[in-house]
C-alpha atoms as a PDB file:
ATOM      1  CA  MET A   1     -11.728  -2.876 -12.863  1.00  0.00           C
ATOM      2  CA  ALA A   2     -13.702  -0.085 -11.199  1.00  0.00           C
ATOM      3  CA  THR A   3     -15.139  -0.779  -7.806  1.00  0.00           C
ATOM      4  CA  GLN A   4     -18.343   0.745  -6.583  1.00  0.00           C
ATOM      5  CA  ALA A   5     -17.659   3.980  -4.710  1.00  0.00           C
ATOM      6  CA  ARG A   6     -18.301   3.866  -0.998  1.00  0.00           C
ATOM      7  CA  ARG A   7     -21.090   6.324  -0.248  1.00  0.00           C
ATOM      8  CA  GLY A   8     -22.665   5.178   3.002  1.00  0.00           C
ATOM      9  CA  PRO A   9     -24.995   5.138   4.748  1.00  0.00           C
ATOM     10  CA  TYR A  10     -22.813   5.782   7.795  1.00  0.00           C
ATOM     11  CA  PHE A  11     -23.516   5.827  11.512  1.00  0.00           C
ATOM     12  CA  CYS A  12     -21.087   8.693  12.178  1.00  0.00           C
ATOM     13  CA  GLY A  13     -18.003  10.472  10.890  1.00  0.00           C
ATOM     14  CA  ILE A  14     -15.668   7.802  12.267  1.00  0.00           C
ATOM     15  CA  ASP A  15     -17.587   5.188  10.269  1.00  0.00           C
ATOM     16  CA  ALA A  16     -17.194   7.251   7.071  1.00  0.00           C
ATOM     17  CA  ALA A  17     -13.477   7.869   7.716  1.00  0.00           C
ATOM     18  CA  MET A  18     -12.732   4.227   8.507  1.00  0.00           C
ATOM     19  CA  ASP A  19     -14.495   3.201   5.295  1.00  0.00           C
ATOM     20  CA  VAL A  20     -11.864   5.139   3.356  1.00  0.00           C
ATOM     21  CA  VAL A  21      -8.802   3.939   5.322  1.00  0.00           C
ATOM     22  CA  ALA A  22      -9.950   0.342   5.835  1.00  0.00           C
ATOM     23  CA  GLY A  23      -7.252  -2.113   4.849  1.00  0.00           C
ATOM     24  CA  LYS A  24      -3.876  -2.880   6.331  1.00  0.00           C
ATOM     25  CA  TRP A  25      -1.861  -0.787   3.882  1.00  0.00           C
ATOM     26  CA  LYS A  26      -3.878   2.379   3.205  1.00  0.00           C
ATOM     27  CA  SER A  27      -2.751   4.359   6.240  1.00  0.00           C
ATOM     28  CA  LEU A  28       0.844   3.297   5.537  1.00  0.00           C
ATOM     29  CA  ILE A  29       0.536   4.396   1.895  1.00  0.00           C
ATOM     30  CA  LEU A  30      -0.745   7.761   3.144  1.00  0.00           C
ATOM     31  CA  TRP A  31       2.214   8.033   5.532  1.00  0.00           C
ATOM     32  CA  GLU A  32       4.741   7.012   2.870  1.00  0.00           C
ATOM     33  CA  LEU A  33       3.447   9.578   0.354  1.00  0.00           C
ATOM     34  CA  ASP A  34       3.246  12.298   2.994  1.00  0.00           C
ATOM     35  CA  HIS A  35       6.711  11.551   4.370  1.00  0.00           C
ATOM     36  CA  TYR A  36       8.554  11.083   1.063  1.00  0.00           C
ATOM     37  CA  GLY A  37       6.372  12.960  -1.423  1.00  0.00           C
ATOM     38  CA  VAL A  38       5.870  11.794  -5.000  1.00  0.00           C
ATOM     39  CA  ARG A  39       6.730   8.113  -5.373  1.00  0.00           C
ATOM     40  CA  ARG A  40       6.860   5.606  -8.192  1.00  0.00           C
ATOM     41  CA  PHE A  41       5.201   2.217  -7.704  1.00  0.00           C
ATOM     42  CA  ALA A  42       8.465   0.367  -7.016  1.00  0.00           C
ATOM     43  CA  GLU A  43       9.505   3.010  -4.460  1.00  0.00           C
ATOM     44  CA  LEU A  44       6.185   2.620  -2.661  1.00  0.00           C
ATOM     45  CA  ARG A  45       6.524  -1.159  -2.650  1.00  0.00           C
ATOM     46  CA  ARG A  46      10.072  -0.968  -1.229  1.00  0.00           C
ATOM     47  CA  GLY A  47       8.860   1.437   1.447  1.00  0.00           C
ATOM     48  CA  LEU A  48       6.102  -0.975   2.521  1.00  0.00           C
ATOM     49  CA  PRO A  49       7.814  -4.311   3.185  1.00  0.00           C
ATOM     50  CA  GLY A  50       5.350  -7.173   3.158  1.00  0.00           C
ATOM     51  CA  VAL A  51       2.797  -5.636   0.798  1.00  0.00           C
ATOM     52  CA  SER A  52       2.090  -7.715  -2.289  1.00  0.00           C
ATOM     53  CA  GLU A  53       2.012  -6.116  -5.714  1.00  0.00           C
ATOM     54  CA  LYS A  54      -1.651  -7.087  -6.086  1.00  0.00           C
ATOM     55  CA  MET A  55      -2.660  -5.529  -2.756  1.00  0.00           C
ATOM     56  CA  LEU A  56      -0.698  -2.332  -3.403  1.00  0.00           C
ATOM     57  CA  ILE A  57      -2.333  -1.940  -6.833  1.00  0.00           C
ATOM     58  CA  GLN A  58      -5.784  -2.574  -5.335  1.00  0.00           C
ATOM     59  CA  HIS A  59      -5.316  -0.073  -2.508  1.00  0.00           C
ATOM     60  CA  LEU A  60      -3.864   2.593  -4.804  1.00  0.00           C
ATOM     61  CA  ARG A  61      -6.836   2.234  -7.168  1.00  0.00           C
ATOM     62  CA  GLU A  62      -9.323   2.539  -4.303  1.00  0.00           C
ATOM     63  CA  MET A  63      -7.466   5.534  -2.889  1.00  0.00           C
ATOM     64  CA  GLU A  64      -7.459   7.169  -6.314  1.00  0.00           C
ATOM     65  CA  GLU A  65     -11.234   6.586  -6.611  1.00  0.00           C
ATOM     66  CA  ASP A  66     -11.708   8.097  -3.141  1.00  0.00           C
ATOM     67  CA  GLY A  67      -9.746  11.190  -4.177  1.00  0.00           C
ATOM     68  CA  LEU A  68      -6.836  10.597  -1.773  1.00  0.00           C
ATOM     69  CA  VAL A  69      -4.115   9.767  -4.296  1.00  0.00           C
ATOM     70  CA  HIS A  70      -3.258  11.277  -7.663  1.00  0.00           C
ATOM     71  CA  ARG A  71      -1.799   8.958 -10.318  1.00  0.00           C
ATOM     72  CA  GLU A  72       0.279  10.688 -12.983  1.00  0.00           C
ATOM     73  CA  VAL A  73       1.118   8.674 -16.104  1.00  0.00           C
ATOM     74  CA  TYR A  74       3.979   9.923 -18.273  1.00  0.00           C
ATOM     75  CA  ARG A  75       3.851   8.897 -21.928  1.00  0.00           C
ATOM     76  CA  GLU A  76       7.390   7.645 -22.341  1.00  0.00           C
ATOM     77  CA  VAL A  77       9.221   4.364 -22.855  1.00  0.00           C
ATOM     78  CA  PRO A  78       9.445   2.646 -20.469  1.00  0.00           C
ATOM     79  CA  PRO A  79       6.171   3.935 -18.989  1.00  0.00           C
ATOM     80  CA  LYS A  80       6.529   6.066 -15.898  1.00  0.00           C
ATOM     81  CA  VAL A  81       3.781   6.382 -13.274  1.00  0.00           C
ATOM     82  CA  GLU A  82       4.016   8.529 -10.147  1.00  0.00           C
ATOM     83  CA  TYR A  83       1.719   8.700  -7.132  1.00  0.00           C
ATOM     84  CA  SER A  84       1.178  11.669  -4.856  1.00  0.00           C
ATOM     85  CA  LEU A  85      -1.318  12.798  -2.252  1.00  0.00           C
ATOM     86  CA  THR A  86      -4.187  15.043  -3.227  1.00  0.00           C
ATOM     87  CA  GLU A  87      -5.282  17.874  -0.962  1.00  0.00           C
ATOM     88  CA  HIS A  88      -7.943  15.495   0.367  1.00  0.00           C
ATOM     89  CA  GLY A  89      -5.251  12.869   1.102  1.00  0.00           C
ATOM     90  CA  VAL A  90      -3.080  15.428   2.890  1.00  0.00           C
ATOM     91  CA  SER A  91      -6.025  16.456   5.091  1.00  0.00           C
ATOM     92  CA  LEU A  92      -6.778  12.809   5.952  1.00  0.00           C
ATOM     93  CA  ASN A  93      -3.131  12.221   6.831  1.00  0.00           C
ATOM     94  CA  ALA A  94      -3.235  15.265   9.123  1.00  0.00           C
ATOM     95  CA  ALA A  95      -6.336  13.833  10.796  1.00  0.00           C
ATOM     96  CA  LEU A  96      -4.491  10.541  11.357  1.00  0.00           C
ATOM     97  CA  ALA A  97      -1.490  12.300  12.976  1.00  0.00           C
ATOM     98  CA  SER A  98      -2.958  12.164  16.482  1.00  0.00           C
ATOM     99  CA  LEU A  99      -3.690   8.454  16.015  1.00  0.00           C
ATOM    100  CA  GLY A 100      -0.038   7.977  15.031  1.00  0.00           C
ATOM    101  CA  ALA A 101       1.088   9.851  18.143  1.00  0.00           C
ATOM    102  CA  TRP A 102      -1.155   7.608  20.244  1.00  0.00           C
ATOM    103  CA  GLY A 103       0.399   4.536  18.589  1.00  0.00           C
ATOM    104  CA  THR A 104       3.945   5.802  19.178  1.00  0.00           C
ATOM    105  CA  GLU A 105       3.126   6.279  22.856  1.00  0.00           C
ATOM    106  CA  ARG A 106       1.662   2.761  22.958  1.00  0.00           C
ATOM    107  CA  ILE A 107       4.880   1.335  21.471  1.00  0.00           C
ATOM    108  CA  ARG A 108       6.830   3.098  24.217  1.00  0.00           C
ATOM    109  CA  ARG A 109       4.405   2.132  26.993  1.00  0.00           C
ATOM    110  CA  ILE A 110       4.317  -1.580  26.208  1.00  0.00           C
ATOM    111  CA  GLY A 111       7.984  -1.772  25.213  1.00  0.00           C
ATOM    112  CA  ALA A 112       7.210  -3.044  21.718  1.00  0.00           C
ATOM    113  CA  GLU A 113       9.856  -3.139  19.048  1.00  0.00           C
ATOM    114  CA  LYS A 114       9.589  -0.543  16.302  1.00  0.00           C
ATOM    115  CA  VAL A 115      10.906  -1.839  12.978  1.00  0.00           C
ATOM    116  CA  SER A 116      12.147   0.569  10.339  1.00  0.00           C
ATOM    117  CA  ALA A 117      11.366  -0.108   6.681  1.00  0.00           C
ATOM    118  CA  ASP A 118      15.099  -0.549   5.970  1.00  0.00           C
ATOM    119  CA  VAL A 119      15.433  -3.306   8.595  1.00  0.00           C
ATOM    120  CA  ALA A 120      12.239  -5.060   7.447  1.00  0.00           C
ATOM    121  CA  GLU A 121      13.313  -4.965   3.795  1.00  0.00           C
ATOM    122  CA  THR A 122      16.751  -6.372   4.619  1.00  0.00           C
ATOM    123  CA  SER A 123      15.248  -9.240   6.639  1.00  0.00           C
ATOM    124  CA  GLN A 124      13.010 -10.229   3.699  1.00  0.00           C
ATOM    125  CA  ASN A 125      15.908 -10.584   1.239  1.00  0.00           C
END
């Protein structure tokens, strides 16, 4: 199920960047892979409480098509698939770091609760 690659036209660089990270889970997938390194599908899903299997598969496929994520399939039984960031994905994550710092400051400023993945996963079970 290949989707058509996003190729513009764009109004500006922000427009082009947001086209690639659009979707609730993509920036969190980038963070998870940057923070923890190579991850299997189930590990990614556990690290992103609330994401459905369908949505995670869809976002990973789009991110692979955009050159952000590398999918490594090992020919063994049971099948093993690992995901990691490409150089392009690492550079996008670095670009998003200042946005993350802004968000952390916003959490502090408005007194919002910050939920860890462990707490969110426990509350879902």
